[in-house]
Amino acid sequence: MMSAPDSAPEPAFSDFDRWAMQRALELASRGLETTDPNPRVGCVITLGQEVVGEGWHERAGEAHAEIAALGAAAGRAAGASAYVTFEPCSHHGRTPPCVEALIAARVARVVYAANDPNPLVNGRGAEALSAAGVAVEGGLLEQEALELNCGFVKRMRHGRPWVRLKLAMTLDGRTALARGESRWITGEAARADVQYWRARSSAILTGVGTVLADDPRLDVRLGAQGGTEGEAEGEAEGEAQEAEEGARQPLRVVLDSHLRTPPGARLLAGGGEVLILTAQSSFRDVQHGMRLTQKGARIESAPEDNERLSLEAVLGRLAELEVNELQVEAGPTLAGELVRQSLVDELLLYVSPRVLGNRSRPLLALPEPATLVVARAFSLIETRMLGDDLRLWLRPRPAR
């Protein structure tokens, strides 16, 4: 079928173009845990079909992927093609514009995967390159690049982080015994897997009820046997390790309307920042607030909605703090409310092959839907066995 006369032809990418961009994406993924709050970007520079330079953005404030790749090319970039997973930047931020460096190096062609959704960049980088006589083509493996930067894209486009809800349950949908015992629902492999998802997150969010019941640390311990459920008991048994030396620790966020977080809470004892969001009225308890701030916590007030903190406002504030990916590890009330308000972007559900019975605690506190047709539904993205446990990776289906 012929295209409409006024339709623009799509760029014809070669197999080598695809290989080079796939390599750039592999490089970009090396910054999965370190580039925050910047996007994860990789770059490959080729002359003909020879790779003469490659690089990736490692940390905020350090060289961008294009600059690292140009440095590796060592003067061989003239007339070359540069494959970049995000549109090159054209503005001065913590580092100079990559567009200027590419033009100065006399690169002949730039192929990028996805437009940078940052309003300071979006489209301007490509325009500046074209104006300088550089051939520019975009859209190669676009979805892969956007997926790698789901949080950055969400924050730039919608003013809130990408919300990942982590839950663990038994076969009968229970999370703990009626008296609260939950250690351990899942095995070591599943708990270790959670640590990698934490490591890529900008922040970990929980509610004060979880802090009071479980006293979690919510830090990153890659290779640790301890996990999310039952962290306190795990440490008593010597199972949980210290936070990995040199690891970037996500911001820990506690929703605490009445400022009940104990100054001795374990999440205040480790490295990394802790933000406690509370109701304006709770600032009256000055002495308790001072005890928390002396432990290193930062306390801010958040607007209320039906006598609870407004989750929309909380997510907006975290976006202002440049949180890209937010991992939620909370009890059924907070988790259920996020689902009810359609604020969850993806769900990590760890399923243990055991049952706890109908008196045990449920996975989510949600009102019953009027009919099955309107019940909230999720699409399965991936399944993975982790020891004896099953991890389901799901994303919400559009509402009918």
Protein backbone atom coordinates (compact mmCIF):
# COMPACT_ATOMS: atom_id res chain seq x y z
CA MET A 1 0.00 0.00 0.00
CA MET A 2 1.44 3.37 -1.04
CA SER A 3 1.97 6.13 1.51
CA ALA A 4 -0.02 9.30 1.37
CA PRO A 5 1.74 11.91 -0.78
CA ASP A 6 2.34 14.30 2.13
CA SER A 7 3.71 11.69 4.55
CA ALA A 8 7.40 11.94 5.44
CA PRO A 9 9.40 8.76 4.80
CA GLU A 10 10.77 7.06 7.88
CA PRO A 11 14.57 6.81 8.12
CA ALA A 12 15.88 3.54 6.70
CA PHE A 13 18.17 2.11 9.35
CA SER A 14 20.64 -0.63 8.47
CA ASP A 15 21.42 -3.75 10.46
CA PHE A 16 24.66 -2.09 11.51
CA ASP A 17 22.74 0.99 12.71
CA ARG A 18 20.61 -1.27 14.88
CA TRP A 19 23.62 -3.12 16.21
CA ALA A 20 25.38 0.14 17.10
CA MET A 21 22.31 1.55 18.86
CA GLN A 22 21.81 -1.70 20.75
CA ARG A 23 25.40 -1.41 21.92
CA ALA A 24 24.75 2.19 23.00
CA LEU A 25 21.76 0.98 25.02
CA GLU A 26 23.92 -1.67 26.69
CA LEU A 27 26.39 1.06 27.65
CA ALA A 28 23.58 3.28 28.94
CA SER A 29 22.36 0.49 31.21
CA ARG A 30 25.69 0.59 33.06
CA GLY A 31 24.45 3.81 34.64
CA LEU A 32 21.24 2.18 35.87
CA GLU A 33 22.12 2.78 39.52
CA THR A 34 24.35 5.86 39.30
CA THR A 35 23.12 8.60 36.93
CA ASP A 36 20.26 9.86 39.08
CA PRO A 37 18.64 12.37 38.59
CA ASN A 38 19.93 12.44 35.00
CA PRO A 39 18.84 10.00 32.29
CA ARG A 40 20.83 6.86 31.48
CA VAL A 41 22.55 7.50 28.16
CA GLY A 42 25.07 5.62 26.02
CA CYS A 43 26.98 6.60 22.89
CA VAL A 44 28.89 4.70 20.19
CA ILE A 45 31.01 6.45 17.52
CA THR A 46 31.83 4.60 14.30
CA LEU A 47 33.85 5.20 11.14
CA GLY A 48 32.37 2.97 8.51
CA GLN A 49 31.67 -0.17 10.51
CA GLU A 50 34.57 0.31 12.91
CA VAL A 51 33.84 1.43 16.47
CA VAL A 52 36.32 4.20 17.29
CA GLY A 53 34.84 5.37 20.58
CA GLU A 54 32.12 4.59 23.09
CA GLY A 55 31.01 5.87 26.46
CA TRP A 56 28.11 6.32 28.83
CA HIS A 57 26.95 8.83 31.39
CA GLU A 58 28.18 7.52 34.72
CA ARG A 59 27.15 10.13 37.31
CA ALA A 60 25.35 13.47 37.49
CA GLY A 61 27.87 16.28 37.11
CA GLU A 62 30.32 14.09 35.21
CA ALA A 63 30.83 13.80 31.44
CA HIS A 64 27.81 12.93 29.34
CA ALA A 65 27.90 9.86 27.13
CA GLU A 66 28.79 11.81 23.98
CA ILE A 67 31.73 13.53 25.66
CA ALA A 68 33.05 10.23 27.03
CA ALA A 69 32.75 8.59 23.60
CA LEU A 70 34.45 11.52 21.85
CA GLY A 71 37.28 11.30 24.35
CA ALA A 72 37.66 7.59 23.65
CA ALA A 73 37.67 8.28 19.89
CA ALA A 74 40.82 10.38 20.41
CA GLY A 75 40.49 12.59 17.35
CA ARG A 76 38.96 9.99 15.03
CA ALA A 77 35.44 11.40 15.17
CA ALA A 78 35.70 13.59 12.04
CA GLY A 79 33.32 12.21 9.44
CA ALA A 80 32.04 9.58 11.88
CA SER A 81 28.54 8.54 12.92
CA ALA A 82 27.49 8.94 16.55
CA TYR A 83 24.77 6.67 17.93
CA VAL A 84 23.20 8.14 21.08
CA THR A 85 20.31 6.72 23.10
CA PHE A 86 18.92 10.19 23.92
CA GLU A 87 18.87 13.35 21.82
CA PRO A 88 22.12 15.28 22.53
CA CYS A 89 21.66 18.23 24.88
CA SER A 90 21.95 21.79 23.61
CA HIS A 91 21.87 23.73 26.87
CA HIS A 92 24.38 24.56 29.59
CA GLY A 93 23.67 22.59 32.76
CA ARG A 94 26.22 21.03 35.10
CA THR A 95 28.25 20.29 31.95
CA PRO A 96 28.59 22.08 28.55
CA PRO A 97 26.23 21.17 25.68
CA CYS A 98 27.01 17.88 23.93
CA VAL A 99 25.80 19.37 20.63
CA GLU A 100 28.70 21.82 20.62
CA ALA A 101 31.20 19.02 21.27
CA LEU A 102 29.80 16.87 18.45
CA ILE A 103 29.92 19.80 16.00
CA ALA A 104 33.46 20.75 17.06
CA ALA A 105 34.56 17.13 16.52
CA ARG A 106 33.12 17.33 12.96
CA VAL A 107 30.87 14.33 13.35
CA ALA A 108 29.04 13.75 10.04
CA ARG A 109 25.94 11.94 11.31
CA VAL A 110 24.05 11.58 14.56
CA VAL A 111 21.49 8.84 15.12
CA TYR A 112 19.53 9.03 18.36
CA ALA A 113 16.93 6.73 19.87
CA ALA A 114 14.52 9.05 21.68
CA ASN A 115 13.85 12.76 21.98
CA ASP A 116 14.88 14.13 25.36
CA PRO A 117 11.60 15.08 27.12
CA ASN A 118 13.40 17.78 29.12
CA PRO A 119 11.83 21.07 27.92
CA LEU A 120 15.34 22.57 27.78
CA VAL A 121 16.33 20.00 25.15
CA ASN A 122 13.29 18.50 23.43
CA GLY A 123 13.96 18.94 19.70
CA ARG A 124 16.51 21.71 20.13
CA GLY A 125 19.52 19.41 20.10
CA ALA A 126 18.51 17.87 16.80
CA GLU A 127 17.77 21.30 15.32
CA ALA A 128 21.18 22.68 16.35
CA LEU A 129 22.97 19.71 14.80
CA SER A 130 21.03 20.03 11.55
CA ALA A 131 21.73 23.75 11.39
CA ALA A 132 25.44 22.94 11.60
CA GLY A 133 25.22 20.57 8.64
CA VAL A 134 25.18 17.32 10.62
CA ALA A 135 22.86 14.61 9.29
CA VAL A 136 20.41 13.76 12.07
CA GLU A 137 18.08 10.76 12.33
CA GLY A 138 15.92 9.83 15.31
CA GLY A 139 13.64 7.06 16.49
CA LEU A 140 15.96 4.04 16.27
CA LEU A 141 15.08 1.69 19.18
CA GLU A 142 13.09 4.53 20.73
CA GLN A 143 10.95 2.40 23.02
CA GLU A 144 13.99 0.66 24.49
CA ALA A 145 15.56 4.03 25.35
CA LEU A 146 12.33 5.33 26.88
CA GLU A 147 11.92 2.15 28.92
CA LEU A 148 15.44 2.48 30.28
CA ASN A 149 14.52 6.00 31.44
CA CYS A 150 10.89 5.46 32.44
CA GLY A 151 11.26 7.56 35.59
CA PHE A 152 13.03 10.51 33.96
CA VAL A 153 10.47 10.55 31.15
CA LYS A 154 7.54 10.35 33.60
CA ARG A 155 8.92 13.22 35.68
CA MET A 156 9.56 15.45 32.68
CA ARG A 157 6.24 14.75 30.97
CA HIS A 158 3.86 14.47 33.91
CA GLY A 159 5.54 16.11 36.90
CA ARG A 160 5.66 12.99 39.05
CA PRO A 161 7.96 9.98 39.46
CA TRP A 162 7.49 6.52 38.01
CA VAL A 163 5.85 4.61 40.87
CA ARG A 164 6.91 0.99 41.36
CA LEU A 165 4.92 -0.86 44.02
CA LYS A 166 6.75 -3.83 45.55
CA LEU A 167 4.63 -6.45 47.32
CA ALA A 168 5.15 -9.98 48.61
CA MET A 169 2.38 -12.48 49.27
CA THR A 170 1.53 -16.14 49.73
CA LEU A 171 -0.50 -18.22 47.29
CA ASP A 172 -3.69 -17.16 49.06
CA GLY A 173 -2.86 -13.46 48.77
CA ARG A 174 -1.71 -12.91 52.36
CA THR A 175 1.23 -10.83 53.55
CA ALA A 176 1.49 -11.65 57.25
CA LEU A 177 -0.16 -13.60 60.04
CA ALA A 178 -2.97 -11.87 61.89
CA ARG A 179 -0.56 -10.91 64.71
CA GLY A 180 1.79 -9.28 62.16
CA GLU A 181 4.49 -11.92 61.72
CA SER A 182 5.81 -11.85 58.14
CA ARG A 183 9.39 -13.07 58.30
CA TRP A 184 10.09 -14.61 56.06
CA ILE A 185 7.35 -14.88 53.43
CA THR A 186 9.83 -15.09 50.57
CA GLY A 187 13.24 -16.74 50.32
CA GLU A 188 16.73 -15.30 50.07
CA ALA A 189 16.79 -15.07 46.26
CA ALA A 190 13.60 -12.99 46.15
CA ARG A 191 14.78 -10.70 48.94
CA ALA A 192 18.11 -10.19 47.19
CA ASP A 193 16.28 -9.33 43.96
CA VAL A 194 14.48 -6.49 45.75
CA GLN A 195 17.87 -4.94 46.54
CA TYR A 196 18.64 -4.47 42.83
CA TRP A 197 15.31 -2.72 42.26
CA ARG A 198 16.05 -0.50 45.24
CA ALA A 199 19.48 0.33 43.85
CA ARG A 200 18.03 1.72 40.62
CA SER A 201 15.41 3.78 42.47
CA SER A 202 15.72 7.44 43.34
CA ALA A 203 13.70 7.00 46.52
CA ILE A 204 12.00 4.35 48.66
CA LEU A 205 8.65 5.29 50.16
CA THR A 206 6.82 3.70 53.07
CA GLY A 207 4.21 4.58 55.66
CA VAL A 208 4.71 5.15 59.36
CA GLY A 209 2.69 2.01 60.09
CA THR A 210 5.39 -0.08 58.42
CA VAL A 211 8.10 1.81 60.32
CA LEU A 212 6.38 1.08 63.65
CA ALA A 213 5.57 -2.56 62.86
CA ASP A 214 8.71 -3.74 61.04
CA ASP A 215 11.40 -1.10 61.73
CA PRO A 216 12.89 -1.51 58.22
CA ARG A 217 16.15 0.02 57.06
CA LEU A 218 15.10 0.52 53.43
CA ASP A 219 18.70 0.86 52.29
CA VAL A 220 20.60 -0.81 49.46
CA ARG A 221 22.55 -3.92 50.39
CA LEU A 222 23.45 -5.61 47.11
CA GLY A 223 24.37 -9.21 47.80
CA ALA A 224 22.67 -9.08 51.20
CA GLN A 225 20.52 -11.98 52.31
CA GLY A 226 18.20 -9.73 54.28
CA GLY A 227 15.34 -8.16 52.37
CA THR A 228 12.24 -6.13 52.94
CA GLU A 229 9.96 -8.23 55.05
CA GLY A 230 11.40 -8.98 58.46
CA GLU A 231 14.51 -6.85 58.22
CA ALA A 232 14.65 -6.32 61.97
CA GLU A 233 14.65 -10.01 62.79
CA GLY A 234 17.12 -10.74 60.00
CA GLU A 235 19.64 -8.38 61.53
CA ALA A 236 19.18 -9.93 64.97
CA GLU A 237 20.06 -13.29 63.44
CA GLY A 238 23.09 -11.81 61.69
CA GLU A 239 21.55 -12.35 58.26
CA ALA A 240 21.32 -8.77 57.06
CA GLN A 241 24.51 -7.09 55.92
CA GLU A 242 25.59 -3.51 56.26
CA ALA A 243 24.79 -1.13 53.44
CA GLU A 244 27.21 -1.69 50.59
CA GLU A 245 30.21 0.60 50.89
CA GLY A 246 30.13 3.31 48.23
CA ALA A 247 26.63 2.39 47.02
CA ARG A 248 24.30 5.29 46.25
CA GLN A 249 21.58 5.20 48.87
CA PRO A 250 18.11 6.26 47.68
CA LEU A 251 16.21 8.91 49.56
CA ARG A 252 14.03 7.22 52.20
CA VAL A 253 10.57 8.81 52.46
CA VAL A 254 8.09 8.19 55.29
CA LEU A 255 4.47 9.31 55.13
CA ASP A 256 3.70 10.16 58.74
CA SER A 257 0.64 12.37 59.21
CA HIS A 258 0.92 12.57 63.01
CA LEU A 259 4.73 12.49 63.30
CA ARG A 260 4.98 9.13 65.06
CA THR A 261 8.32 8.01 63.59
CA PRO A 262 10.56 6.99 66.53
CA PRO A 263 13.93 8.76 66.76
CA GLY A 264 15.46 5.29 67.20
CA ALA A 265 14.05 3.94 63.92
CA ARG A 266 16.66 1.98 62.01
CA LEU A 267 16.14 3.91 58.79
CA LEU A 268 17.57 6.95 60.63
CA ALA A 269 20.70 5.08 61.64
CA GLY A 270 22.16 4.28 58.22
CA GLY A 271 23.57 6.36 55.41
CA GLY A 272 21.50 8.38 53.00
CA GLU A 273 18.83 11.00 53.45
CA VAL A 274 15.48 10.55 55.16
CA LEU A 275 12.48 12.74 54.41
CA ILE A 276 9.43 12.60 56.69
CA LEU A 277 6.27 14.10 55.23
CA THR A 278 3.68 15.03 57.80
CA ALA A 279 0.52 17.08 58.27
CA GLN A 280 0.88 20.78 59.05
CA SER A 281 -0.76 20.28 62.46
CA SER A 282 1.98 17.83 63.51
CA PHE A 283 4.57 20.61 63.50
CA ARG A 284 3.14 21.58 66.90
CA ASP A 285 5.11 18.71 68.43
CA VAL A 286 8.33 20.70 68.31
CA GLN A 287 10.32 18.53 70.71
CA HIS A 288 9.64 15.29 68.85
CA GLY A 289 10.42 17.01 65.56
CA MET A 290 13.73 18.23 66.95
CA ARG A 291 14.65 14.72 68.07
CA LEU A 292 14.04 13.47 64.54
CA THR A 293 16.01 16.27 62.89
CA GLN A 294 18.88 15.65 65.30
CA LYS A 295 18.96 12.12 63.89
CA GLY A 296 19.35 13.59 60.41
CA ALA A 297 15.76 13.48 59.17
CA ARG A 298 14.28 16.31 57.14
CA ILE A 299 10.66 17.08 57.98
CA GLU A 300 8.24 18.75 55.59
CA SER A 301 4.52 19.27 55.66
CA ALA A 302 2.27 18.03 52.85
CA PRO A 303 -1.33 18.91 51.98
CA GLU A 304 -4.04 16.63 53.33
CA ASP A 305 -6.87 14.90 51.50
CA ASN A 306 -9.67 13.32 53.58
CA GLU A 307 -7.51 13.43 56.73
CA ARG A 308 -4.61 11.70 54.98
CA LEU A 309 -1.63 13.13 53.18
CA SER A 310 -2.48 13.87 49.57
CA LEU A 311 -0.65 11.26 47.50
CA GLU A 312 -0.84 13.47 44.41
CA ALA A 313 0.86 16.26 46.35
CA VAL A 314 3.46 13.85 47.74
CA LEU A 315 4.39 12.65 44.26
CA GLY A 316 4.53 16.23 43.01
CA ARG A 317 6.91 17.17 45.80
CA LEU A 318 9.14 14.18 45.09
CA ALA A 319 9.28 15.21 41.43
CA GLU A 320 10.46 18.65 42.57
CA LEU A 321 13.22 16.83 44.46
CA GLU A 322 14.21 15.18 41.14
CA VAL A 323 12.99 11.71 42.07
CA ASN A 324 12.72 9.69 38.87
CA GLU A 325 11.85 6.18 40.05
CA LEU A 326 9.99 5.74 43.33
CA GLN A 327 9.82 2.28 44.88
CA VAL A 328 6.98 1.84 47.37
CA GLU A 329 7.38 -0.77 50.11
CA ALA A 330 4.39 -0.33 52.36
CA GLY A 331 1.45 -2.02 54.04
CA PRO A 332 -1.98 -2.76 52.53
CA THR A 333 -3.50 0.63 53.34
CA LEU A 334 -0.97 2.84 51.56
CA ALA A 335 -0.42 0.30 48.78
CA GLY A 336 -4.16 -0.05 48.24
CA GLU A 337 -4.68 3.70 48.15
CA LEU A 338 -2.00 4.12 45.47
CA VAL A 339 -3.72 1.46 43.38
CA ARG A 340 -7.17 2.96 44.01
CA GLN A 341 -6.01 6.38 42.84
CA SER A 342 -4.33 4.88 39.73
CA LEU A 343 -0.92 6.19 40.82
CA VAL A 344 0.98 2.92 40.35
CA ASP A 345 2.96 2.57 37.12
CA GLU A 346 4.17 -0.96 37.70
CA LEU A 347 3.90 -3.73 40.24
CA LEU A 348 6.57 -6.14 41.47
CA LEU A 349 4.75 -9.03 43.10
CA TYR A 350 6.72 -11.80 44.79
CA VAL A 351 4.65 -14.94 45.33
CA SER A 352 5.66 -17.51 47.94
CA PRO A 353 4.45 -21.14 47.57
CA ARG A 354 2.71 -21.31 50.95
CA VAL A 355 -0.67 -20.38 52.42
CA LEU A 356 -1.51 -18.46 55.61
CA GLY A 357 -5.30 -18.69 55.87
CA ASN A 358 -8.17 -16.25 55.73
CA ARG A 359 -7.46 -14.57 59.08
CA SER A 360 -4.05 -13.39 57.88
CA ARG A 361 -3.40 -9.90 56.57
CA PRO A 362 -4.41 -9.07 52.97
CA LEU A 363 -2.23 -7.74 50.17
CA LEU A 364 -4.19 -4.55 49.48
CA ALA A 365 -6.89 -2.61 51.30
CA LEU A 366 -9.29 -1.79 48.47
CA PRO A 367 -13.05 -1.30 48.19
CA GLU A 368 -14.89 -4.02 46.33
CA PRO A 369 -15.62 -3.08 42.69
CA ALA A 370 -19.24 -2.83 41.59
CA THR A 371 -18.67 -5.51 38.93
CA LEU A 372 -15.82 -7.65 37.61
CA VAL A 373 -15.85 -5.58 34.44
CA VAL A 374 -14.65 -2.48 36.29
CA ALA A 375 -12.17 -4.32 38.53
CA ARG A 376 -8.62 -3.01 38.21
CA ALA A 377 -6.57 -5.21 35.93
CA PHE A 378 -2.87 -5.58 35.20
CA SER A 379 -0.92 -6.88 32.21
CA LEU A 380 1.85 -9.37 32.84
CA ILE A 381 5.20 -8.11 31.54
CA GLU A 382 7.51 -10.82 32.84
CA THR A 383 7.68 -13.79 35.19
CA ARG A 384 10.83 -15.07 36.85
CA MET A 385 11.57 -17.85 39.31
CA LEU A 386 13.73 -16.78 42.25
CA GLY A 387 14.48 -19.88 44.25
CA ASP A 388 11.09 -21.28 45.24
CA ASP A 389 9.36 -17.93 44.75
CA LEU A 390 7.81 -16.42 41.63
CA ARG A 391 8.23 -12.76 40.70
CA LEU A 392 5.47 -11.20 38.62
CA TRP A 393 6.22 -7.92 36.88
CA LEU A 394 2.97 -6.20 35.94
CA ARG A 395 1.67 -2.89 34.65
CA PRO A 396 -1.87 -1.49 34.85
CA ARG A 397 -4.21 -1.99 31.94
CA PRO A 398 -6.05 1.10 30.69
CA ALA A 399 -9.41 1.60 32.38
CA ARG A 400 -12.39 0.39 30.35
